[in-house]
Structure formats: C-alpha cells, structure tokens
PDB file of N, CA and C in Angstrom:
ATOM      1  N   UNK A   1      36.177 -13.966  60.142  1.00  0.00           N
ATOM      2  CA  UNK A   1      34.926 -13.457  59.614  1.00  0.00           C
ATOM      3  C   UNK A   1      34.985 -13.474  58.088  1.00  0.00           C
ATOM      4  N   UNK A   2      33.958 -14.027  57.480  1.00  0.00           N
ATOM      5  CA  UNK A   2      33.935 -14.155  56.028  1.00  0.00           C
ATOM      6  C   UNK A   2      33.676 -12.794  55.383  1.00  0.00           C
ATOM      7  N   UNK A   3      34.393 -12.543  54.336  1.00  0.00           N
ATOM      8  CA  UNK A   3      34.232 -11.280  53.603  1.00  0.00           C
ATOM      9  C   UNK A   3      33.226 -11.502  52.482  1.00  0.00           C
ATOM     10  N   UNK A   4      32.218 -10.659  52.462  1.00  0.00           N
ATOM     11  CA  UNK A   4      31.194 -10.776  51.428  1.00  0.00           C
ATOM     12  C   UNK A   4      31.722 -10.219  50.116  1.00  0.00           C
ATOM     13  N   UNK A   5      31.360 -10.871  49.036  1.00  0.00           N
ATOM     14  CA  UNK A   5      31.792 -10.428  47.719  1.00  0.00           C
ATOM     15  C   UNK A   5      30.574  -9.942  46.945  1.00  0.00           C
ATOM     16  N   UNK A   6      30.715  -8.787  46.348  1.00  0.00           N
ATOM     17  CA  UNK A   6      29.637  -8.186  45.570  1.00  0.00           C
ATOM     18  C   UNK A   6      30.065  -8.077  44.114  1.00  0.00           C
ATOM     19  N   UNK A   7      29.072  -8.206  43.238  1.00  0.00           N
ATOM     20  CA  UNK A   7      29.312  -8.165  41.802  1.00  0.00           C
ATOM     21  C   UNK A   7      28.462  -7.040  41.220  1.00  0.00           C
ATOM     22  N   UNK A   8      29.046  -6.271  40.349  1.00  0.00           N
ATOM     23  CA  UNK A   8      28.341  -5.182  39.691  1.00  0.00           C
ATOM     24  C   UNK A   8      27.224  -5.760  38.812  1.00  0.00           C
ATOM     25  N   UNK A   9      26.005  -5.290  39.003  1.00  0.00           N
ATOM     26  CA  UNK A   9      24.848  -5.837  38.293  1.00  0.00           C
ATOM     27  C   UNK A   9      24.994  -5.694  36.785  1.00  0.00           C
ATOM     28  N   UNK A  10      25.449  -4.551  36.315  1.00  0.00           N
ATOM     29  CA  UNK A  10      25.579  -4.358  34.868  1.00  0.00           C
ATOM     30  C   UNK A  10      26.587  -5.338  34.268  1.00  0.00           C
ATOM     31  N   UNK A  11      27.672  -5.602  34.983  1.00  0.00           N
ATOM     32  CA  UNK A  11      28.670  -6.563  34.506  1.00  0.00           C
ATOM     33  C   UNK A  11      28.088  -7.984  34.515  1.00  0.00           C
ATOM     34  N   UNK A  12      27.412  -8.335  35.586  1.00  0.00           N
ATOM     35  CA  UNK A  12      26.794  -9.663  35.692  1.00  0.00           C
ATOM     36  C   UNK A  12      25.774  -9.878  34.573  1.00  0.00           C
ATOM     37  N   UNK A  13      24.932  -8.879  34.338  1.00  0.00           N
ATOM     38  CA  UNK A  13      23.900  -9.002  33.312  1.00  0.00           C
ATOM     39  C   UNK A  13      24.502  -9.112  31.915  1.00  0.00           C
ATOM     40  N   UNK A  14      25.591  -8.395  31.673  1.00  0.00           N
ATOM     41  CA  UNK A  14      26.255  -8.470  30.372  1.00  0.00           C
ATOM     42  C   UNK A  14      26.833  -9.873  30.144  1.00  0.00           C
ATOM     43  N   UNK A  15      27.410 -10.458  31.183  1.00  0.00           N
ATOM     44  CA  UNK A  15      28.026 -11.776  31.057  1.00  0.00           C
ATOM     45  C   UNK A  15      26.994 -12.894  30.918  1.00  0.00           C
ATOM     46  N   UNK A  16      25.853 -12.759  31.589  1.00  0.00           N
ATOM     47  CA  UNK A  16      24.854 -13.829  31.607  1.00  0.00           C
ATOM     48  C   UNK A  16      23.701 -13.616  30.636  1.00  0.00           C
ATOM     49  N   UNK A  17      23.655 -12.442  29.997  1.00  0.00           N
ATOM     50  CA  UNK A  17      22.569 -12.088  29.075  1.00  0.00           C
ATOM     51  C   UNK A  17      21.217 -12.050  29.782  1.00  0.00           C
ATOM     52  N   UNK A  18      21.232 -11.708  31.058  1.00  0.00           N
ATOM     53  CA  UNK A  18      20.010 -11.472  31.826  1.00  0.00           C
ATOM     54  C   UNK A  18      19.819  -9.962  31.882  1.00  0.00           C
ATOM     55  N   UNK A  19      18.619  -9.512  31.600  1.00  0.00           N
ATOM     56  CA  UNK A  19      18.354  -8.083  31.577  1.00  0.00           C
ATOM     57  C   UNK A  19      18.478  -7.500  32.986  1.00  0.00           C
ATOM     58  N   UNK A  20      19.075  -6.322  33.085  1.00  0.00           N
ATOM     59  CA  UNK A  20      19.222  -5.699  34.401  1.00  0.00           C
ATOM     60  C   UNK A  20      17.867  -5.305  34.982  1.00  0.00           C
ATOM     61  N   UNK A  21      16.889  -5.073  34.123  1.00  0.00           N
ATOM     62  CA  UNK A  21      15.544  -4.760  34.619  1.00  0.00           C
ATOM     63  C   UNK A  21      14.947  -5.955  35.354  1.00  0.00           C
ATOM     64  N   UNK A  22      15.291  -7.171  34.933  1.00  0.00           N
ATOM     65  CA  UNK A  22      14.819  -8.377  35.620  1.00  0.00           C
ATOM     66  C   UNK A  22      15.388  -8.422  37.032  1.00  0.00           C
ATOM     67  N   UNK A  23      16.666  -8.135  37.177  1.00  0.00           N
ATOM     68  CA  UNK A  23      17.309  -8.133  38.494  1.00  0.00           C
ATOM     69  C   UNK A  23      16.699  -7.046  39.373  1.00  0.00           C
ATOM     70  N   UNK A  24      16.432  -5.887  38.796  1.00  0.00           N
ATOM     71  CA  UNK A  24      15.823  -4.795  39.560  1.00  0.00           C
ATOM     72  C   UNK A  24      14.414  -5.157  40.009  1.00  0.00           C
ATOM     73  N   UNK A  25      13.662  -5.850  39.156  1.00  0.00           N
ATOM     74  CA  UNK A  25      12.318  -6.275  39.545  1.00  0.00           C
ATOM     75  C   UNK A  25      12.375  -7.323  40.653  1.00  0.00           C
ATOM     76  N   UNK A  26      13.355  -8.212  40.607  1.00  0.00           N
ATOM     77  CA  UNK A  26      13.523  -9.171  41.694  1.00  0.00           C
ATOM     78  C   UNK A  26      13.733  -8.439  43.015  1.00  0.00           C
ATOM     79  N   UNK A  27      14.509  -7.383  42.956  1.00  0.00           N
ATOM     80  CA  UNK A  27      14.747  -6.575  44.158  1.00  0.00           C
ATOM     81  C   UNK A  27      13.468  -5.870  44.610  1.00  0.00           C
ATOM     82  N   UNK A  28      12.721  -5.319  43.675  1.00  0.00           N
ATOM     83  CA  UNK A  28      11.479  -4.626  44.020  1.00  0.00           C
ATOM     84  C   UNK A  28      10.479  -5.553  44.695  1.00  0.00           C
ATOM     85  N   UNK A  29      10.456  -6.830  44.298  1.00  0.00           N
ATOM     86  CA  UNK A  29       9.552  -7.802  44.904  1.00  0.00           C
ATOM     87  C   UNK A  29      10.136  -8.413  46.175  1.00  0.00           C
ATOM     88  N   UNK A  30      11.329  -7.978  46.551  1.00  0.00           N
ATOM     89  CA  UNK A  30      11.939  -8.475  47.779  1.00  0.00           C
ATOM     90  C   UNK A  30      12.537  -9.860  47.654  1.00  0.00           C
ATOM     91  N   UNK A  31      12.780 -10.301  46.432  1.00  0.00           N
ATOM     92  CA  UNK A  31      13.310 -11.649  46.209  1.00  0.00           C
ATOM     93  C   UNK A  31      14.824 -11.704  46.346  1.00  0.00           C
ATOM     94  N   UNK A  32      15.496 -10.595  46.122  1.00  0.00           N
ATOM     95  CA  UNK A  32      16.940 -10.503  46.340  1.00  0.00           C
ATOM     96  C   UNK A  32      17.243  -9.133  46.936  1.00  0.00           C
ATOM     97  N   UNK A  33      18.420  -9.014  47.479  1.00  0.00           N
ATOM     98  CA  UNK A  33      18.866  -7.724  48.005  1.00  0.00           C
ATOM     99  C   UNK A  33      20.065  -7.274  47.198  1.00  0.00           C
ATOM    100  N   UNK A  34      20.225  -5.974  47.085  1.00  0.00           N
ATOM    101  CA  UNK A  34      21.453  -5.470  46.479  1.00  0.00           C
ATOM    102  C   UNK A  34      21.896  -4.205  47.178  1.00  0.00           C
ATOM    103  N   UNK A  35      23.149  -3.870  46.950  1.00  0.00           N
ATOM    104  CA  UNK A  35      23.770  -2.699  47.563  1.00  0.00           C
ATOM    105  C   UNK A  35      23.945  -1.621  46.496  1.00  0.00           C
ATOM    106  N   UNK A  36      23.686  -0.392  46.870  1.00  0.00           N
ATOM    107  CA  UNK A  36      23.943   0.725  45.971  1.00  0.00           C
ATOM    108  C   UNK A  36      25.120   1.517  46.516  1.00  0.00           C
ATOM    109  N   UNK A  37      26.129   1.672  45.687  1.00  0.00           N
ATOM    110  CA  UNK A  37      27.311   2.450  46.060  1.00  0.00           C
ATOM    111  C   UNK A  37      27.707   3.320  44.880  1.00  0.00           C
ATOM    112  N   UNK A  38      27.757   4.604  45.101  1.00  0.00           N
ATOM    113  CA  UNK A  38      28.188   5.565  44.089  1.00  0.00           C
ATOM    114  C   UNK A  38      27.454   5.369  42.761  1.00  0.00           C
ATOM    115  N   UNK A  39      26.133   5.301  42.827  1.00  0.00           N
ATOM    116  CA  UNK A  39      25.259   5.152  41.656  1.00  0.00           C
ATOM    117  C   UNK A  39      25.439   3.818  40.926  1.00  0.00           C
ATOM    118  N   UNK A  40      26.131   2.865  41.518  1.00  0.00           N
ATOM    119  CA  UNK A  40      26.251   1.525  40.954  1.00  0.00           C
ATOM    120  C   UNK A  40      25.497   0.552  41.841  1.00  0.00           C
ATOM    121  N   UNK A  41      24.949  -0.478  41.227  1.00  0.00           N
ATOM    122  CA  UNK A  41      24.180  -1.479  41.964  1.00  0.00           C
ATOM    123  C   UNK A  41      24.990  -2.781  41.982  1.00  0.00           C
ATOM    124  N   UNK A  42      25.124  -3.360  43.169  1.00  0.00           N
ATOM    125  CA  UNK A  42      25.884  -4.587  43.355  1.00  0.00           C
ATOM    126  C   UNK A  42      24.992  -5.656  43.965  1.00  0.00           C
ATOM    127  N   UNK A  43      25.217  -6.920  43.528  1.00  0.00           N
ATOM    128  CA  UNK A  43      24.516  -8.052  44.128  1.00  0.00           C
ATOM    129  C   UNK A  43      25.543  -8.909  44.863  1.00  0.00           C
ATOM    130  N   UNK A  44      25.072  -9.562  45.900  1.00  0.00           N
ATOM    131  CA  UNK A  44      25.917 -10.478  46.650  1.00  0.00           C
ATOM    132  C   UNK A  44      26.101 -11.746  45.812  1.00  0.00           C
ATOM    133  N   UNK A  45      27.309 -12.271  45.783  1.00  0.00           N
ATOM    134  CA  UNK A  45      27.548 -13.465  44.956  1.00  0.00           C
ATOM    135  C   UNK A  45      26.741 -14.661  45.449  1.00  0.00           C
ATOM    136  N   UNK A  46      26.281 -14.646  46.705  1.00  0.00           N
ATOM    137  CA  UNK A  46      25.443 -15.730  47.219  1.00  0.00           C
ATOM    138  C   UNK A  46      24.084 -15.765  46.517  1.00  0.00           C
ATOM    139  N   UNK A  47      23.655 -14.641  45.964  1.00  0.00           N
ATOM    140  CA  UNK A  47      22.347 -14.558  45.314  1.00  0.00           C
ATOM    141  C   UNK A  47      22.371 -14.975  43.846  1.00  0.00           C
ATOM    142  N   UNK A  48      23.529 -15.241  43.299  1.00  0.00           N
ATOM    143  CA  UNK A  48      23.630 -15.545  41.867  1.00  0.00           C
ATOM    144  C   UNK A  48      22.844 -16.802  41.492  1.00  0.00           C
ATOM    145  N   UNK A  49      22.990 -17.866  42.251  1.00  0.00           N
ATOM    146  CA  UNK A  49      22.256 -19.089  41.909  1.00  0.00           C
ATOM    147  C   UNK A  49      20.755 -18.872  42.023  1.00  0.00           C
ATOM    148  N   UNK A  50      20.341 -18.072  42.997  1.00  0.00           N
ATOM    149  CA  UNK A  50      18.920 -17.755  43.163  1.00  0.00           C
ATOM    150  C   UNK A  50      18.405 -16.934  41.974  1.00  0.00           C
ATOM    151  N   UNK A  51      19.188 -15.971  41.527  1.00  0.00           N
ATOM    152  CA  UNK A  51      18.794 -15.154  40.371  1.00  0.00           C
ATOM    153  C   UNK A  51      18.658 -16.033  39.132  1.00  0.00           C
ATOM    154  N   UNK A  52      19.614 -16.910  38.916  1.00  0.00           N
ATOM    155  CA  UNK A  52      19.576 -17.772  37.730  1.00  0.00           C
ATOM    156  C   UNK A  52      18.398 -18.744  37.796  1.00  0.00           C
ATOM    157  N   UNK A  53      18.095 -19.271  38.987  1.00  0.00           N
ATOM    158  CA  UNK A  53      16.953 -20.180  39.135  1.00  0.00           C
ATOM    159  C   UNK A  53      15.659 -19.437  38.816  1.00  0.00           C
ATOM    160  N   UNK A  54      15.512 -18.220  39.355  1.00  0.00           N
ATOM    161  CA  UNK A  54      14.296 -17.440  39.106  1.00  0.00           C
ATOM    162  C   UNK A  54      14.195 -16.998  37.651  1.00  0.00           C
ATOM    163  N   UNK A  55      15.338 -16.708  37.030  1.00  0.00           N
ATOM    164  CA  UNK A  55      15.334 -16.341  35.610  1.00  0.00           C
ATOM    165  C   UNK A  55      14.804 -17.498  34.768  1.00  0.00           C
ATOM    166  N   UNK A  56      15.282 -18.706  35.052  1.00  0.00           N
ATOM    167  CA  UNK A  56      14.804 -19.881  34.304  1.00  0.00           C
ATOM    168  C   UNK A  56      13.312 -20.110  34.532  1.00  0.00           C
ATOM    169  N   UNK A  57      12.862 -20.011  35.770  1.00  0.00           N
ATOM    170  CA  UNK A  57      11.438 -20.200  36.067  1.00  0.00           C
ATOM    171  C   UNK A  57      10.585 -19.151  35.356  1.00  0.00           C
ATOM    172  N   UNK A  58      11.076 -17.930  35.336  1.00  0.00           N
ATOM    173  CA  UNK A  58      10.318 -16.841  34.725  1.00  0.00           C
ATOM    174  C   UNK A  58      10.276 -16.959  33.199  1.00  0.00           C
ATOM    175  N   UNK A  59      11.415 -17.224  32.581  1.00  0.00           N
ATOM    176  CA  UNK A  59      11.464 -17.229  31.115  1.00  0.00           C
ATOM    177  C   UNK A  59      11.079 -18.565  30.493  1.00  0.00           C
ATOM    178  N   UNK A  60      11.427 -19.668  31.124  1.00  0.00           N
ATOM    179  CA  UNK A  60      11.119 -20.965  30.530  1.00  0.00           C
ATOM    180  C   UNK A  60       9.712 -21.451  30.876  1.00  0.00           C
ATOM    181  N   UNK A  61       9.250 -21.123  32.086  1.00  0.00           N
ATOM    182  CA  UNK A  61       7.933 -21.592  32.505  1.00  0.00           C
ATOM    183  C   UNK A  61       6.888 -20.482  32.558  1.00  0.00           C
ATOM    184  N   UNK A  62       7.323 -19.243  32.377  1.00  0.00           N
ATOM    185  CA  UNK A  62       6.384 -18.133  32.354  1.00  0.00           C
ATOM    186  C   UNK A  62       5.807 -17.768  33.719  1.00  0.00           C
ATOM    187  N   UNK A  63       6.526 -18.062  34.780  1.00  0.00           N
ATOM    188  CA  UNK A  63       6.043 -17.740  36.126  1.00  0.00           C
ATOM    189  C   UNK A  63       6.291 -16.265  36.398  1.00  0.00           C
ATOM    190  N   UNK A  64       5.249 -15.566  36.840  1.00  0.00           N
ATOM    191  CA  UNK A  64       5.384 -14.136  37.104  1.00  0.00           C
ATOM    192  C   UNK A  64       6.087 -13.903  38.446  1.00  0.00           C
ATOM    193  N   UNK A  65       6.316 -12.645  38.777  1.00  0.00           N
ATOM    194  CA  UNK A  65       7.096 -12.317  39.972  1.00  0.00           C
ATOM    195  C   UNK A  65       6.358 -12.687  41.262  1.00  0.00           C
ATOM    196  N   UNK A  66       5.039 -12.591  41.250  1.00  0.00           N
ATOM    197  CA  UNK A  66       4.274 -13.020  42.420  1.00  0.00           C
ATOM    198  C   UNK A  66       4.422 -14.526  42.619  1.00  0.00           C
ATOM    199  N   UNK A  67       4.423 -15.265  41.525  1.00  0.00           N
ATOM    200  CA  UNK A  67       4.616 -16.712  41.596  1.00  0.00           C
ATOM    201  C   UNK A  67       6.015 -17.070  42.066  1.00  0.00           C
ATOM    202  N   UNK A  68       7.014 -16.309  41.604  1.00  0.00           N
ATOM    203  CA  UNK A  68       8.387 -16.541  42.062  1.00  0.00           C
ATOM    204  C   UNK A  68       8.496 -16.311  43.564  1.00  0.00           C
ATOM    205  N   UNK A  69       7.817 -15.281  44.053  1.00  0.00           N
ATOM    206  CA  UNK A  69       7.821 -15.006  45.488  1.00  0.00           C
ATOM    207  C   UNK A  69       7.173 -16.156  46.253  1.00  0.00           C
ATOM    208  N   UNK A  70       6.040 -16.641  45.758  1.00  0.00           N
ATOM    209  CA  UNK A  70       5.354 -17.755  46.420  1.00  0.00           C
ATOM    210  C   UNK A  70       6.234 -19.006  46.425  1.00  0.00           C
ATOM    211  N   UNK A  71       6.888 -19.295  45.313  1.00  0.00           N
ATOM    212  CA  UNK A  71       7.781 -20.454  45.243  1.00  0.00           C
ATOM    213  C   UNK A  71       8.946 -20.323  46.217  1.00  0.00           C
ATOM    214  N   UNK A  72       9.510 -19.133  46.302  1.00  0.00           N
ATOM    215  CA  UNK A  72      10.635 -18.917  47.205  1.00  0.00           C
ATOM    216  C   UNK A  72      10.204 -19.136  48.651  1.00  0.00           C
ATOM    217  N   UNK A  73       9.029 -18.631  49.009  1.00  0.00           N
ATOM    218  CA  UNK A  73       8.537 -18.804  50.368  1.00  0.00           C
ATOM    219  C   UNK A  73       8.254 -20.280  50.673  1.00  0.00           C
ATOM    220  N   UNK A  74       7.678 -21.001  49.710  1.00  0.00           N
ATOM    221  CA  UNK A  74       7.398 -22.427  49.921  1.00  0.00           C
ATOM    222  C   UNK A  74       8.689 -23.224  50.061  1.00  0.00           C
ATOM    223  N   UNK A  75       9.704 -22.927  49.243  1.00  0.00           N
ATOM    224  CA  UNK A  75      10.982 -23.615  49.339  1.00  0.00           C
ATOM    225  C   UNK A  75      11.667 -23.329  50.674  1.00  0.00           C
ATOM    226  N   UNK A  76      11.566 -22.093  51.116  1.00  0.00           N
ATOM    227  CA  UNK A  76      12.142 -21.722  52.411  1.00  0.00           C
ATOM    228  C   UNK A  76      11.472 -22.506  53.531  1.00  0.00           C
ATOM    229  N   UNK A  77      10.149 -22.602  53.484  1.00  0.00           N
ATOM    230  CA  UNK A  77       9.407 -23.355  54.501  1.00  0.00           C
ATOM    231  C   UNK A  77       9.732 -24.843  54.428  1.00  0.00           C
ATOM    232  N   UNK A  78       9.845 -25.372  53.215  1.00  0.00           N
ATOM    233  CA  UNK A  78      10.165 -26.790  53.041  1.00  0.00           C
ATOM    234  C   UNK A  78      11.543 -27.105  53.613  1.00  0.00           C
ATOM    235  N   UNK A  79      12.525 -26.238  53.371  1.00  0.00           N
ATOM    236  CA  UNK A  79      13.867 -26.458  53.918  1.00  0.00           C
ATOM    237  C   UNK A  79      13.849 -26.422  55.440  1.00  0.00           C
ATOM    238  N   UNK A  80      13.065 -25.506  56.000  1.00  0.00           N
ATOM    239  CA  UNK A  80      12.941 -25.419  57.452  1.00  0.00           C
ATOM    240  C   UNK A  80      12.322 -26.693  58.009  1.00  0.00           C
ATOM    241  N   UNK A  81      11.281 -27.194  57.356  1.00  0.00           N
ATOM    242  CA  UNK A  81      10.631 -28.422  57.802  1.00  0.00           C
ATOM    243  C   UNK A  81      11.559 -29.632  57.677  1.00  0.00           C
ATOM    244  N   UNK A  82      12.373 -29.661  56.617  1.00  0.00           N
ATOM    245  CA  UNK A  82      13.337 -30.754  56.451  1.00  0.00           C
ATOM    246  C   UNK A  82      14.367 -30.752  57.579  1.00  0.00           C
ATOM    247  N   UNK A  83      14.847 -29.563  57.948  1.00  0.00           N
ATOM    248  CA  UNK A  83      15.801 -29.467  59.053  1.00  0.00           C
ATOM    249  C   UNK A  83      15.166 -29.932  60.353  1.00  0.00           C
ATOM    250  N   UNK A  84      13.925 -29.528  60.572  1.00  0.00           N
ATOM    251  CA  UNK A  84      13.216 -29.941  61.784  1.00  0.00           C
ATOM    252  C   UNK A  84      13.003 -31.454  61.795  1.00  0.00           C
ATOM    253  N   UNK A  85      12.649 -32.015  60.653  1.00  0.00           N
ATOM    254  CA  UNK A  85      12.438 -33.454  60.557  1.00  0.00           C
ATOM    255  C   UNK A  85      13.737 -34.213  60.833  1.00  0.00           C
ATOM    256  N   UNK A  86      14.853 -33.729  60.284  1.00  0.00           N
ATOM    257  CA  UNK A  86      16.143 -34.375  60.533  1.00  0.00           C
ATOM    258  C   UNK A  86      16.504 -34.325  62.010  1.00  0.00           C
ATOM    259  N   UNK A  87      16.244 -33.202  62.655  1.00  0.00           N
ATOM    260  CA  UNK A  87      16.505 -33.072  64.082  1.00  0.00           C
ATOM    261  C   UNK A  87      15.656 -34.047  64.884  1.00  0.00           C
ATOM    262  N   UNK A  88      14.390 -34.158  64.531  1.00  0.00           N
ATOM    263  CA  UNK A  88      13.496 -35.079  65.229  1.00  0.00           C
ATOM    264  C   UNK A  88      13.899 -36.531  64.996  1.00  0.00           C
ATOM    265  N   UNK A  89      14.365 -36.854  63.792  1.00  0.00           N
ATOM    266  CA  UNK A  89      14.835 -38.213  63.519  1.00  0.00           C
ATOM    267  C   UNK A  89      16.058 -38.546  64.360  1.00  0.00           C
ATOM    268  N   UNK A  90      16.957 -37.584  64.520  1.00  0.00           N
ATOM    269  CA  UNK A  90      18.138 -37.811  65.357  1.00  0.00           C
ATOM    270  C   UNK A  90      17.740 -38.030  66.812  1.00  0.00           C
ATOM    271  N   UNK A  91      16.779 -37.267  67.283  1.00  0.00           N
ATOM    272  CA  UNK A  91      16.300 -37.444  68.669  1.00  0.00           C
ATOM    273  C   UNK A  91      15.646 -38.810  68.834  1.00  0.00           C
ATOM    274  N   UNK A  92      14.886 -39.225  67.825  1.00  0.00           N
ATOM    275  CA  UNK A  92      14.200 -40.506  67.890  1.00  0.00           C
ATOM    276  C   UNK A  92      15.186 -41.665  67.943  1.00  0.00           C
ATOM    277  N   UNK A  93      16.298 -41.535  67.237  1.00  0.00           N
ATOM    278  CA  UNK A  93      17.310 -42.599  67.239  1.00  0.00           C
ATOM    279  C   UNK A  93      17.886 -42.841  68.631  1.00  0.00           C
ATOM    280  N   UNK A  94      17.864 -41.821  69.470  1.00  0.00           N
ATOM    281  CA  UNK A  94      18.344 -41.979  70.841  1.00  0.00           C
ATOM    282  C   UNK A  94      17.504 -42.985  71.619  1.00  0.00           C
ATOM    283  N   UNK A  95      16.244 -43.112  71.273  1.00  0.00           N
ATOM    284  CA  UNK A  95      15.316 -44.003  71.992  1.00  0.00           C
ATOM    285  C   UNK A  95      15.187 -45.381  71.358  1.00  0.00           C
ATOM    286  N   UNK A  96      15.858 -45.602  70.243  1.00  0.00           N
ATOM    287  CA  UNK A  96      15.765 -46.905  69.557  1.00  0.00           C
ATOM    288  C   UNK A  96      16.711 -47.908  70.179  1.00  0.00           C
TER     289      UNK A  96
END
C-alpha cells in the first residue's frame, strides 16, 4: 500500500513564493484538498503540479477561481473521453 506524503502549506508557499491565501482559496473552491493537523495545513504531494498549473493560469492569464474550476472539470472530462476512446480503439482492432 502506497504511503501518502503531505507537505506543510506554509513551507511549500515559502519555497515556491505562492501565497498561502491562494492555496486556501483553491481549497475553498474545491479545486484541491488538504489535511489539517494540530493547527497546521498540509497538502498532498500529488496536488503540487495541479497547484502550480492553476497558479500560472491565475497569475499569467488572469483566470479567476470559477474559471479554474471550469477548466479543471473540462480537463477531467477530456481525460475520461480519451480513455474511453482508447478502449474503443482497442476493441475495434479486434475486428480488423
């Protein structure tokens, strides 16, 4: 069983120069999840690339949090459709 690794939000924000309020707002909009333990907030290391992608979209392109949510949902749906398409292509090859 894989052990999940969590990173302290304040430490992560200090290292990446991303404001902790940005990470908290991502959580409020349901874009990421975090754990609270003993008054400290931790993020899963799997969410780091997602946080950095959303930070770039927000600061470089000016996309608001509602837009980030819409983009995340569209990307999730697109990935699901790609998996379904790959499965259907494999099934089709059986009949070729």
